[in-house]
């Protein structure tokens, strides 16, 4: 690629972050290595996209970088990063909307004073008390509703 050894190490370190490769552990003090290590894998989609942006900006700063494949050029990588960023932002917005909708549903069904359980349980009791409604009561009891802690 025509880069110096430190430049090449910088690029490889960022590529390892994108891939999620683990760094090689040193041979000293291996018996306490598991208890002393803290995970910093940074494998979320946002972290990987950020690492791709870092890699793209780093590669574009090296004039000697000229890949054989056009897809690996700095401009194509920057375009790929922009697409990933837009998709990540869209997914984050939709995830937030989903969480909000679930919270509103749970508030309506479980946490309001006139919630689902306060409506269903008296109805089941009434159906049980009606003469000849045994089949309806069995169908009503088959509907399971649980409280959310």
N, C-alpha and C. Protein backbone atom coordinates (compact mmCIF):
# COMPACT_ATOMS: atom_id res chain seq x y z
N UNK A 1 0.84 -1.18 0.00
CA UNK A 1 0.00 0.00 0.00
C UNK A 1 0.88 1.24 0.00
N UNK A 2 2.14 1.13 0.29
CA UNK A 2 3.04 2.27 0.24
C UNK A 2 3.04 3.13 1.48
N UNK A 3 2.54 2.62 2.60
CA UNK A 3 2.52 3.40 3.84
C UNK A 3 3.69 2.98 4.72
N UNK A 4 4.09 3.88 5.59
CA UNK A 4 5.16 3.54 6.53
C UNK A 4 4.62 2.57 7.58
N UNK A 5 5.49 2.00 8.36
CA UNK A 5 5.07 1.00 9.37
C UNK A 5 4.12 1.60 10.41
N UNK A 6 4.39 2.79 10.98
CA UNK A 6 3.42 3.34 11.95
C UNK A 6 2.07 3.67 11.31
N UNK A 7 2.08 4.17 10.07
CA UNK A 7 0.82 4.46 9.39
C UNK A 7 0.03 3.17 9.15
N UNK A 8 0.76 2.14 8.75
CA UNK A 8 0.12 0.85 8.51
C UNK A 8 -0.46 0.28 9.81
N UNK A 9 0.23 0.45 10.92
CA UNK A 9 -0.28 -0.02 12.21
C UNK A 9 -1.53 0.74 12.62
N UNK A 10 -1.56 2.05 12.35
CA UNK A 10 -2.76 2.84 12.67
C UNK A 10 -3.96 2.33 11.88
N UNK A 11 -3.76 2.09 10.60
CA UNK A 11 -4.85 1.60 9.76
C UNK A 11 -5.30 0.22 10.24
N UNK A 12 -4.35 -0.66 10.52
CA UNK A 12 -4.71 -2.01 10.98
C UNK A 12 -5.43 -1.99 12.33
N UNK A 13 -5.06 -1.06 13.20
CA UNK A 13 -5.74 -0.96 14.50
C UNK A 13 -7.20 -0.57 14.31
N UNK A 14 -7.47 0.34 13.41
CA UNK A 14 -8.85 0.75 13.17
C UNK A 14 -9.63 -0.38 12.49
N UNK A 15 -8.99 -1.09 11.57
CA UNK A 15 -9.65 -2.23 10.91
C UNK A 15 -9.99 -3.29 11.94
N UNK A 16 -9.11 -3.53 12.91
CA UNK A 16 -9.40 -4.50 13.97
C UNK A 16 -10.59 -4.05 14.81
N UNK A 17 -10.71 -2.74 15.05
CA UNK A 17 -11.87 -2.25 15.81
C UNK A 17 -13.15 -2.47 15.03
N UNK A 18 -13.11 -2.27 13.72
CA UNK A 18 -14.31 -2.47 12.90
C UNK A 18 -14.69 -3.95 12.89
N UNK A 19 -13.71 -4.82 12.75
CA UNK A 19 -13.98 -6.26 12.72
C UNK A 19 -14.34 -6.81 14.08
N UNK A 20 -13.85 -6.18 15.14
CA UNK A 20 -14.09 -6.70 16.48
C UNK A 20 -13.03 -7.67 16.92
N UNK A 21 -11.88 -7.67 16.24
CA UNK A 21 -10.78 -8.55 16.64
C UNK A 21 -10.26 -8.15 18.00
N UNK A 22 -9.89 -9.13 18.78
CA UNK A 22 -9.35 -8.85 20.10
C UNK A 22 -7.86 -8.65 20.01
N UNK A 23 -7.32 -7.73 20.80
CA UNK A 23 -5.87 -7.58 20.81
C UNK A 23 -5.19 -8.80 21.44
N UNK A 24 -3.99 -9.06 21.04
CA UNK A 24 -3.24 -10.20 21.57
C UNK A 24 -2.79 -9.87 23.00
N UNK A 25 -3.05 -10.81 23.91
CA UNK A 25 -2.66 -10.59 25.30
C UNK A 25 -1.19 -10.89 25.50
N UNK A 26 -0.61 -10.18 26.41
CA UNK A 26 0.79 -10.44 26.74
C UNK A 26 0.88 -11.68 27.62
N UNK A 27 2.03 -12.33 27.59
CA UNK A 27 2.21 -13.60 28.30
C UNK A 27 2.38 -13.42 29.80
N UNK A 28 2.66 -12.21 30.28
CA UNK A 28 2.89 -12.04 31.71
C UNK A 28 1.55 -11.93 32.46
N UNK A 29 1.47 -12.60 33.58
CA UNK A 29 0.34 -12.54 34.51
C UNK A 29 -0.97 -12.99 33.87
N UNK A 30 -0.98 -14.13 33.21
CA UNK A 30 -2.17 -14.62 32.55
C UNK A 30 -3.22 -15.16 33.53
N UNK A 31 -2.83 -15.58 34.73
CA UNK A 31 -3.81 -16.15 35.65
C UNK A 31 -4.81 -15.12 36.14
N UNK A 32 -4.44 -13.84 36.18
CA UNK A 32 -5.37 -12.79 36.62
C UNK A 32 -5.93 -12.00 35.44
N UNK A 33 -5.68 -12.44 34.23
CA UNK A 33 -6.07 -11.65 33.05
C UNK A 33 -7.59 -11.52 32.92
N UNK A 34 -8.32 -12.60 33.22
CA UNK A 34 -9.77 -12.52 33.07
C UNK A 34 -10.40 -11.61 34.09
N UNK A 35 -9.94 -11.61 35.31
CA UNK A 35 -10.56 -10.80 36.34
C UNK A 35 -10.19 -9.33 36.21
N UNK A 36 -9.06 -9.04 35.58
CA UNK A 36 -8.62 -7.66 35.48
C UNK A 36 -9.11 -6.98 34.20
N UNK A 37 -9.53 -7.73 33.20
CA UNK A 37 -9.88 -7.12 31.92
C UNK A 37 -11.31 -6.57 31.95
N UNK A 38 -11.49 -5.50 31.24
CA UNK A 38 -12.80 -4.88 31.07
C UNK A 38 -13.06 -4.86 29.58
N UNK A 39 -14.25 -5.29 29.17
CA UNK A 39 -14.56 -5.35 27.75
C UNK A 39 -14.72 -3.95 27.18
N UNK A 40 -14.04 -3.72 26.08
CA UNK A 40 -14.20 -2.46 25.36
C UNK A 40 -14.26 -2.76 23.86
N UNK A 41 -15.07 -3.74 23.51
CA UNK A 41 -15.12 -4.22 22.14
C UNK A 41 -15.66 -3.18 21.18
N UNK A 42 -16.58 -2.34 21.59
CA UNK A 42 -17.16 -1.29 20.76
C UNK A 42 -17.70 -1.87 19.46
N UNK A 43 -18.58 -2.86 19.57
CA UNK A 43 -19.11 -3.54 18.40
C UNK A 43 -20.51 -3.11 18.02
N UNK A 44 -21.02 -2.03 18.60
CA UNK A 44 -22.33 -1.57 18.20
C UNK A 44 -22.25 -1.01 16.78
N UNK A 45 -23.40 -0.92 16.15
CA UNK A 45 -23.42 -0.40 14.78
C UNK A 45 -22.89 1.03 14.72
N UNK A 46 -23.23 1.81 15.72
CA UNK A 46 -22.78 3.20 15.75
C UNK A 46 -21.27 3.27 15.91
N UNK A 47 -20.71 2.44 16.78
CA UNK A 47 -19.26 2.43 16.98
C UNK A 47 -18.53 1.98 15.74
N UNK A 48 -19.06 0.95 15.09
CA UNK A 48 -18.40 0.48 13.88
C UNK A 48 -18.46 1.53 12.77
N UNK A 49 -19.59 2.22 12.66
CA UNK A 49 -19.69 3.28 11.65
C UNK A 49 -18.72 4.41 11.97
N UNK A 50 -18.58 4.74 13.24
CA UNK A 50 -17.63 5.78 13.64
C UNK A 50 -16.20 5.36 13.32
N UNK A 51 -15.88 4.10 13.57
CA UNK A 51 -14.55 3.60 13.23
C UNK A 51 -14.32 3.63 11.72
N UNK A 52 -15.37 3.36 10.95
CA UNK A 52 -15.25 3.43 9.50
C UNK A 52 -14.98 4.87 9.06
N UNK A 53 -15.64 5.82 9.71
CA UNK A 53 -15.39 7.23 9.40
C UNK A 53 -13.94 7.60 9.73
N UNK A 54 -13.45 7.13 10.86
CA UNK A 54 -12.06 7.39 11.24
C UNK A 54 -11.10 6.79 10.23
N UNK A 55 -11.39 5.56 9.82
CA UNK A 55 -10.55 4.90 8.82
C UNK A 55 -10.58 5.67 7.50
N UNK A 56 -11.74 6.12 7.09
CA UNK A 56 -11.86 6.86 5.83
C UNK A 56 -11.08 8.16 5.87
N UNK A 57 -11.22 8.89 6.97
CA UNK A 57 -10.49 10.15 7.07
C UNK A 57 -8.98 9.92 7.17
N UNK A 58 -8.58 8.84 7.83
CA UNK A 58 -7.17 8.52 7.94
C UNK A 58 -6.59 8.15 6.58
N UNK A 59 -7.33 7.32 5.84
CA UNK A 59 -6.84 6.90 4.52
C UNK A 59 -6.82 8.06 3.53
N UNK A 60 -7.78 8.96 3.63
CA UNK A 60 -7.79 10.09 2.70
C UNK A 60 -6.67 11.07 3.00
N UNK A 61 -6.14 11.04 4.23
CA UNK A 61 -5.02 11.93 4.56
C UNK A 61 -3.68 11.41 4.05
N UNK A 62 -3.64 10.14 3.63
CA UNK A 62 -2.40 9.57 3.10
C UNK A 62 -2.42 9.64 1.57
N UNK A 63 -1.59 10.47 0.98
CA UNK A 63 -1.59 10.55 -0.49
C UNK A 63 -1.08 9.27 -1.14
N UNK A 64 -0.34 8.46 -0.40
CA UNK A 64 0.19 7.21 -0.97
C UNK A 64 -0.87 6.12 -1.05
N UNK A 65 -2.05 6.34 -0.44
CA UNK A 65 -3.08 5.31 -0.44
C UNK A 65 -3.76 5.26 -1.81
N UNK A 66 -3.55 4.19 -2.53
CA UNK A 66 -4.16 3.98 -3.84
C UNK A 66 -4.51 2.50 -3.96
N UNK A 67 -5.73 2.12 -3.57
CA UNK A 67 -6.09 0.70 -3.59
C UNK A 67 -6.29 0.19 -5.02
N UNK A 68 -6.15 -1.10 -5.18
CA UNK A 68 -6.38 -1.73 -6.48
C UNK A 68 -7.87 -1.80 -6.81
N UNK A 69 -8.70 -2.01 -5.80
CA UNK A 69 -10.14 -2.09 -6.00
C UNK A 69 -10.74 -0.70 -5.81
N UNK A 70 -11.61 -0.30 -6.73
CA UNK A 70 -12.21 1.03 -6.65
C UNK A 70 -13.15 1.16 -5.45
N UNK A 71 -13.76 0.05 -5.02
CA UNK A 71 -14.67 0.09 -3.88
C UNK A 71 -13.96 0.47 -2.59
N UNK A 72 -12.64 0.31 -2.55
CA UNK A 72 -11.87 0.62 -1.35
C UNK A 72 -11.24 2.01 -1.38
N UNK A 73 -11.58 2.80 -2.37
CA UNK A 73 -11.04 4.16 -2.42
C UNK A 73 -11.65 4.98 -1.30
N UNK A 74 -10.97 6.04 -0.94
CA UNK A 74 -11.43 6.88 0.18
C UNK A 74 -12.79 7.48 -0.12
N UNK A 75 -13.03 7.88 -1.35
CA UNK A 75 -14.33 8.48 -1.71
C UNK A 75 -15.45 7.46 -1.59
N UNK A 76 -15.23 6.23 -2.07
CA UNK A 76 -16.26 5.18 -1.96
C UNK A 76 -16.51 4.80 -0.50
N UNK A 77 -15.43 4.73 0.29
CA UNK A 77 -15.60 4.43 1.72
C UNK A 77 -16.38 5.54 2.42
N UNK A 78 -16.11 6.79 2.05
CA UNK A 78 -16.85 7.92 2.66
C UNK A 78 -18.32 7.84 2.28
N UNK A 79 -18.61 7.49 1.04
CA UNK A 79 -20.00 7.34 0.60
C UNK A 79 -20.67 6.20 1.36
N UNK A 80 -19.95 5.09 1.52
CA UNK A 80 -20.48 3.95 2.27
C UNK A 80 -20.76 4.34 3.72
N UNK A 81 -19.85 5.11 4.33
CA UNK A 81 -20.07 5.58 5.70
C UNK A 81 -21.32 6.45 5.78
N UNK A 82 -21.50 7.36 4.83
CA UNK A 82 -22.68 8.23 4.86
C UNK A 82 -23.97 7.43 4.76
N UNK A 83 -23.96 6.39 3.92
CA UNK A 83 -25.14 5.52 3.84
C UNK A 83 -25.38 4.79 5.15
N UNK A 84 -24.31 4.28 5.75
CA UNK A 84 -24.44 3.60 7.05
C UNK A 84 -24.96 4.54 8.13
N UNK A 85 -24.45 5.75 8.14
CA UNK A 85 -24.88 6.73 9.14
C UNK A 85 -26.36 7.04 8.99
N UNK A 86 -26.82 7.22 7.76
CA UNK A 86 -28.24 7.48 7.53
C UNK A 86 -29.10 6.30 7.98
N UNK A 87 -28.66 5.09 7.68
CA UNK A 87 -29.40 3.91 8.10
C UNK A 87 -29.40 3.76 9.62
N UNK A 88 -28.27 4.03 10.27
CA UNK A 88 -28.20 3.97 11.73
C UNK A 88 -29.11 5.00 12.37
N UNK A 89 -29.13 6.21 11.81
CA UNK A 89 -30.01 7.26 12.35
C UNK A 89 -31.48 6.87 12.19
N UNK A 90 -31.82 6.31 11.04
CA UNK A 90 -33.19 5.88 10.80
C UNK A 90 -33.59 4.75 11.76
N UNK A 91 -32.69 3.80 11.97
CA UNK A 91 -32.97 2.70 12.90
C UNK A 91 -33.12 3.22 14.33
N UNK A 92 -32.28 4.17 14.72
CA UNK A 92 -32.39 4.73 16.07
C UNK A 92 -33.72 5.46 16.25
N UNK A 93 -34.15 6.21 15.24
CA UNK A 93 -35.42 6.91 15.33
C UNK A 93 -36.59 5.93 15.42
N UNK A 94 -36.54 4.86 14.63
CA UNK A 94 -37.62 3.88 14.67
C UNK A 94 -37.61 3.10 15.98
N UNK A 95 -36.43 2.84 16.52
CA UNK A 95 -36.34 2.16 17.81
C UNK A 95 -36.95 3.03 18.91
N UNK A 96 -36.64 4.33 18.86
CA UNK A 96 -37.22 5.25 19.84
C UNK A 96 -38.73 5.30 19.72
N UNK A 97 -39.24 5.31 18.48
CA UNK A 97 -40.69 5.32 18.28
C UNK A 97 -41.32 4.03 18.81
N UNK A 98 -40.66 2.90 18.61
CA UNK A 98 -41.18 1.63 19.10
C UNK A 98 -41.21 1.60 20.63
N UNK A 99 -40.15 2.07 21.26
CA UNK A 99 -40.10 2.09 22.72
C UNK A 99 -41.19 3.02 23.27
N UNK A 100 -41.38 4.15 22.63
CA UNK A 100 -42.42 5.10 23.06
C UNK A 100 -43.81 4.48 22.90
N UNK A 101 -44.05 3.80 21.78
CA UNK A 101 -45.36 3.17 21.57
C UNK A 101 -45.62 2.07 22.59
N UNK A 102 -44.60 1.28 22.92
CA UNK A 102 -44.77 0.23 23.93
C UNK A 102 -45.05 0.83 25.30
N UNK A 103 -44.39 1.92 25.63
CA UNK A 103 -44.63 2.57 26.92
C UNK A 103 -46.05 3.10 26.99
N UNK A 104 -46.53 3.72 25.92
CA UNK A 104 -47.90 4.23 25.89
C UNK A 104 -48.91 3.09 25.99
N UNK A 105 -48.62 1.96 25.31
CA UNK A 105 -49.50 0.80 25.40
C UNK A 105 -49.55 0.27 26.83
N UNK A 106 -48.39 0.13 27.47
CA UNK A 106 -48.36 -0.39 28.84
C UNK A 106 -49.03 0.56 29.81
N UNK A 107 -48.85 1.86 29.60
CA UNK A 107 -49.54 2.83 30.46
C UNK A 107 -51.05 2.68 30.32
N UNK A 108 -51.52 2.53 29.10
CA UNK A 108 -52.95 2.41 28.85
C UNK A 108 -53.51 1.10 29.41
N UNK A 109 -52.81 0.01 29.19
CA UNK A 109 -53.35 -1.29 29.57
C UNK A 109 -53.11 -1.65 31.04
N UNK A 110 -52.04 -1.18 31.64
CA UNK A 110 -51.67 -1.70 32.95
C UNK A 110 -51.57 -0.66 34.06
N UNK A 111 -51.20 0.56 33.75
CA UNK A 111 -50.88 1.50 34.82
C UNK A 111 -51.95 2.56 35.08
N UNK A 112 -52.91 2.73 34.22
CA UNK A 112 -53.97 3.71 34.44
C UNK A 112 -54.97 3.18 35.46
N UNK A 113 -55.72 4.07 36.11
CA UNK A 113 -56.72 3.59 37.08
C UNK A 113 -57.78 2.69 36.44
N UNK A 114 -58.20 2.98 35.21
CA UNK A 114 -59.17 2.14 34.53
C UNK A 114 -58.46 1.18 33.60
N UNK A 115 -57.49 0.45 34.13
CA UNK A 115 -56.66 -0.39 33.28
C UNK A 115 -57.37 -1.68 32.89
N UNK A 116 -56.71 -2.47 32.12
CA UNK A 116 -57.27 -3.70 31.56
C UNK A 116 -57.71 -4.68 32.64
N UNK A 117 -56.86 -4.90 33.63
CA UNK A 117 -57.20 -5.88 34.68
C UNK A 117 -58.39 -5.44 35.51
N UNK A 118 -58.51 -4.15 35.76
CA UNK A 118 -59.65 -3.69 36.55
C UNK A 118 -60.95 -3.80 35.75
N UNK A 119 -60.86 -3.92 34.43
CA UNK A 119 -62.05 -4.13 33.61
C UNK A 119 -62.36 -5.61 33.42
N UNK A 120 -61.34 -6.41 33.19
CA UNK A 120 -61.54 -7.81 32.83
C UNK A 120 -61.98 -8.66 34.03
N UNK A 121 -61.35 -8.47 35.17
CA UNK A 121 -61.67 -9.32 36.33
C UNK A 121 -63.13 -9.21 36.76
N UNK A 122 -63.73 -8.02 36.87
CA UNK A 122 -65.17 -7.98 37.20
C UNK A 122 -66.06 -8.62 36.13
N UNK A 123 -65.64 -8.51 34.86
CA UNK A 123 -66.42 -9.14 33.79
C UNK A 123 -66.38 -10.65 33.93
N UNK A 124 -65.22 -11.20 34.23
CA UNK A 124 -65.11 -12.65 34.44
C UNK A 124 -65.96 -13.08 35.62
N UNK A 125 -65.95 -12.29 36.69
CA UNK A 125 -66.76 -12.64 37.87
C UNK A 125 -68.25 -12.59 37.53
N UNK A 126 -68.66 -11.62 36.73
CA UNK A 126 -70.08 -11.51 36.35
C UNK A 126 -70.50 -12.69 35.49
N UNK A 127 -69.66 -13.07 34.52
CA UNK A 127 -69.99 -14.21 33.65
C UNK A 127 -70.09 -15.48 34.48
N UNK A 128 -69.25 -15.60 35.49
CA UNK A 128 -69.28 -16.79 36.36
C UNK A 128 -70.59 -16.85 37.14
N UNK A 129 -71.13 -15.69 37.51
CA UNK A 129 -72.33 -15.67 38.33
C UNK A 129 -73.61 -15.87 37.52
N UNK A 130 -73.56 -15.70 36.21
CA UNK A 130 -74.75 -15.84 35.38
C UNK A 130 -75.07 -17.33 35.19
N UNK A 131 -76.35 -17.65 35.37
CA UNK A 131 -76.81 -19.04 35.24
C UNK A 131 -76.75 -19.47 33.77
N UNK A 132 -76.13 -20.61 33.46
CA UNK A 132 -76.08 -21.16 32.12
C UNK A 132 -75.01 -20.55 31.22
N UNK A 133 -74.09 -19.77 31.77
CA UNK A 133 -73.04 -19.15 30.96
C UNK A 133 -71.71 -19.85 31.17
N UNK A 134 -71.75 -21.14 31.44
CA UNK A 134 -70.54 -21.89 31.74
C UNK A 134 -69.57 -21.89 30.55
N UNK A 135 -70.07 -22.06 29.33
CA UNK A 135 -69.20 -22.09 28.15
C UNK A 135 -68.53 -20.72 27.96
N UNK A 136 -69.28 -19.65 28.20
CA UNK A 136 -68.70 -18.31 28.07
C UNK A 136 -67.65 -18.05 29.15
N UNK A 137 -67.92 -18.58 30.34
CA UNK A 137 -66.97 -18.39 31.42
C UNK A 137 -65.66 -19.12 31.11
N UNK A 138 -65.74 -20.33 30.57
CA UNK A 138 -64.52 -21.05 30.20
C UNK A 138 -63.72 -20.29 29.15
N UNK A 139 -64.42 -19.69 28.20
CA UNK A 139 -63.73 -18.91 27.16
C UNK A 139 -63.10 -17.66 27.78
N UNK A 140 -63.80 -17.03 28.73
CA UNK A 140 -63.25 -15.82 29.37
C UNK A 140 -62.05 -16.14 30.25
N UNK A 141 -62.11 -17.28 30.95
CA UNK A 141 -61.01 -17.67 31.81
C UNK A 141 -59.77 -18.05 30.98
N UNK A 142 -60.00 -18.52 29.77
CA UNK A 142 -58.88 -18.89 28.90
C UNK A 142 -58.05 -17.68 28.50
N UNK A 143 -58.64 -16.51 28.57
CA UNK A 143 -57.90 -15.27 28.28
C UNK A 143 -57.05 -14.93 29.50
N UNK A 144 -55.76 -14.98 29.34
CA UNK A 144 -54.84 -14.72 30.46
C UNK A 144 -54.33 -13.28 30.38
N UNK A 145 -54.45 -12.60 31.49
CA UNK A 145 -53.90 -11.24 31.62
C UNK A 145 -53.03 -11.20 32.87
N UNK A 146 -51.85 -10.62 32.74
CA UNK A 146 -50.92 -10.56 33.85
C UNK A 146 -50.61 -9.13 34.19
N UNK A 147 -50.29 -8.93 35.45
CA UNK A 147 -49.83 -7.61 35.85
C UNK A 147 -48.34 -7.47 35.54
N UNK A 148 -47.94 -6.27 35.24
CA UNK A 148 -46.54 -5.99 34.96
C UNK A 148 -45.93 -5.36 36.22
N UNK A 149 -44.83 -5.94 36.69
CA UNK A 149 -44.18 -5.40 37.88
C UNK A 149 -43.31 -4.25 37.51
